[in-house]
Amino acid sequence: MIAVLVTFRIKLECVDAFRSELLKVAVPVVAEPECLVLDYAQDASDPTRFMLYENWPSREYFEKAQLAKPYYVPYLEATEPMWAEPRRFTYFELFSTYPPREA
């Protein structure tokens, strides 16, 4: 199992619209049986910084299957112009969760 940390810096004038688009795409993402965790966060001291924390079965699944889902097309079309810089992906191998859950 992997944890994916996705970070964004959004143009200040686009913050509210970006939040709205994130919440819309969350609905189909969490409906995926392979989506184990999906958390969205906004920096408390810098409203232009966002973090997505996700757990998936593997990096390969996330990159090849999940990111290819058709609902990402309208999401990316709507949000990419809002980005102040490219999004960043960081991958972590999960070795423990609390409370424990099956892999």
Protein backbone atom coordinates (compact mmCIF):
# COMPACT_ATOMS: atom_id res chain seq x y z
CA MET A 1 0.00 0.00 0.00
CA ILE A 2 1.22 3.51 -0.73
CA ALA A 3 0.46 6.98 0.50
CA VAL A 4 0.45 9.71 -2.10
CA LEU A 5 0.99 13.32 -1.09
CA VAL A 6 -0.02 15.77 -3.80
CA THR A 7 0.78 19.43 -3.22
CA PHE A 8 -0.49 22.45 -5.11
CA ARG A 9 0.09 26.16 -5.09
CA ILE A 10 -2.96 27.93 -6.47
CA LYS A 11 -3.33 31.48 -7.74
CA LEU A 12 -4.88 33.54 -4.94
CA GLU A 13 -7.85 34.63 -7.03
CA CYS A 14 -8.63 30.97 -7.81
CA VAL A 15 -8.62 29.51 -4.30
CA ASP A 16 -12.39 29.26 -3.85
CA ALA A 17 -12.92 27.83 -7.33
CA PHE A 18 -10.13 25.29 -6.79
CA ARG A 19 -11.68 24.13 -3.51
CA SER A 20 -15.00 23.68 -5.27
CA GLU A 21 -13.43 21.57 -8.05
CA LEU A 22 -11.61 19.40 -5.48
CA LEU A 23 -14.84 18.68 -3.66
CA LYS A 24 -16.58 17.76 -6.92
CA VAL A 25 -13.90 15.24 -7.97
CA ALA A 26 -13.79 13.73 -4.47
CA VAL A 27 -17.19 12.11 -5.02
CA PRO A 28 -16.11 9.72 -7.80
CA VAL A 29 -12.63 9.20 -6.29
CA VAL A 30 -13.91 7.95 -2.93
CA ALA A 31 -16.41 5.73 -4.75
CA GLU A 32 -13.46 3.76 -6.15
CA PRO A 33 -13.05 0.55 -4.12
CA GLU A 34 -9.26 0.93 -4.29
CA CYS A 35 -9.38 4.38 -2.63
CA LEU A 36 -8.44 3.66 0.97
CA VAL A 37 -8.00 7.25 2.20
CA LEU A 38 -8.63 10.66 0.64
CA ASP A 39 -7.99 13.81 2.64
CA TYR A 40 -7.83 17.38 1.36
CA ALA A 41 -6.17 20.16 3.35
CA GLN A 42 -5.44 23.85 2.91
CA ASP A 43 -2.49 25.54 4.60
CA ALA A 44 -3.76 27.48 7.63
CA SER A 45 -1.24 30.28 7.10
CA ASP A 46 -1.12 30.35 3.27
CA PRO A 47 -4.49 29.85 1.57
CA THR A 48 -2.82 29.23 -1.81
CA ARG A 49 -1.22 25.96 -0.64
CA PHE A 50 -3.18 22.72 -0.78
CA MET A 51 -2.37 19.14 0.09
CA LEU A 52 -4.10 15.93 -0.95
CA TYR A 53 -3.31 12.80 1.06
CA GLU A 54 -4.38 9.53 -0.54
CA ASN A 55 -3.84 5.81 0.11
CA TRP A 56 -3.90 3.36 -2.80
CA PRO A 57 -2.98 -0.31 -3.27
CA SER A 58 0.21 0.53 -5.20
CA ARG A 59 2.01 3.29 -7.03
CA GLU A 60 1.50 1.42 -10.29
CA TYR A 61 -2.27 1.29 -9.71
CA PHE A 62 -2.39 4.99 -8.84
CA GLU A 63 -0.35 6.16 -11.82
CA LYS A 64 -1.65 3.79 -14.51
CA ALA A 65 -5.25 3.09 -13.51
CA GLN A 66 -6.45 5.78 -11.14
CA LEU A 67 -5.03 8.84 -12.87
CA ALA A 68 -6.48 7.54 -16.16
CA LYS A 69 -10.07 7.67 -14.88
CA PRO A 70 -12.27 9.79 -17.18
CA TYR A 71 -13.53 12.08 -14.41
CA TYR A 72 -10.06 13.61 -14.11
CA VAL A 73 -10.35 15.16 -17.60
CA PRO A 74 -12.89 17.89 -16.68
CA TYR A 75 -11.22 18.32 -13.27
CA LEU A 76 -7.80 18.97 -14.82
CA GLU A 77 -9.25 21.18 -17.55
CA ALA A 78 -10.88 23.31 -14.86
CA THR A 79 -8.00 23.39 -12.37
CA GLU A 80 -4.74 23.47 -14.34
CA PRO A 81 -5.20 27.16 -15.25
CA MET A 82 -5.56 27.84 -11.51
CA TRP A 83 -2.17 26.37 -10.62
CA ALA A 84 0.55 28.88 -9.75
CA GLU A 85 3.14 26.12 -10.27
CA PRO A 86 3.05 22.44 -11.28
CA ARG A 87 1.55 20.01 -8.79
CA ARG A 88 3.97 17.71 -6.99
CA PHE A 89 3.59 14.04 -6.17
CA THR A 90 5.47 12.37 -3.30
CA TYR A 91 5.09 8.65 -2.65
CA PHE A 92 5.47 6.88 0.69
CA GLU A 93 5.40 3.16 1.41
CA LEU A 94 2.95 2.57 4.24
CA PHE A 95 4.28 0.22 6.89
CA SER A 96 1.69 0.91 9.57
CA THR A 97 -1.72 2.55 9.94
CA TYR A 98 -3.76 3.48 13.01
CA PRO A 99 -6.19 2.04 13.55
CA PRO A 100 -4.73 -0.94 11.69
CA ARG A 101 -6.45 -1.93 8.46
CA GLU A 102 -5.90 -4.75 6.03
CA ALA A 103 -3.62 -4.18 3.04
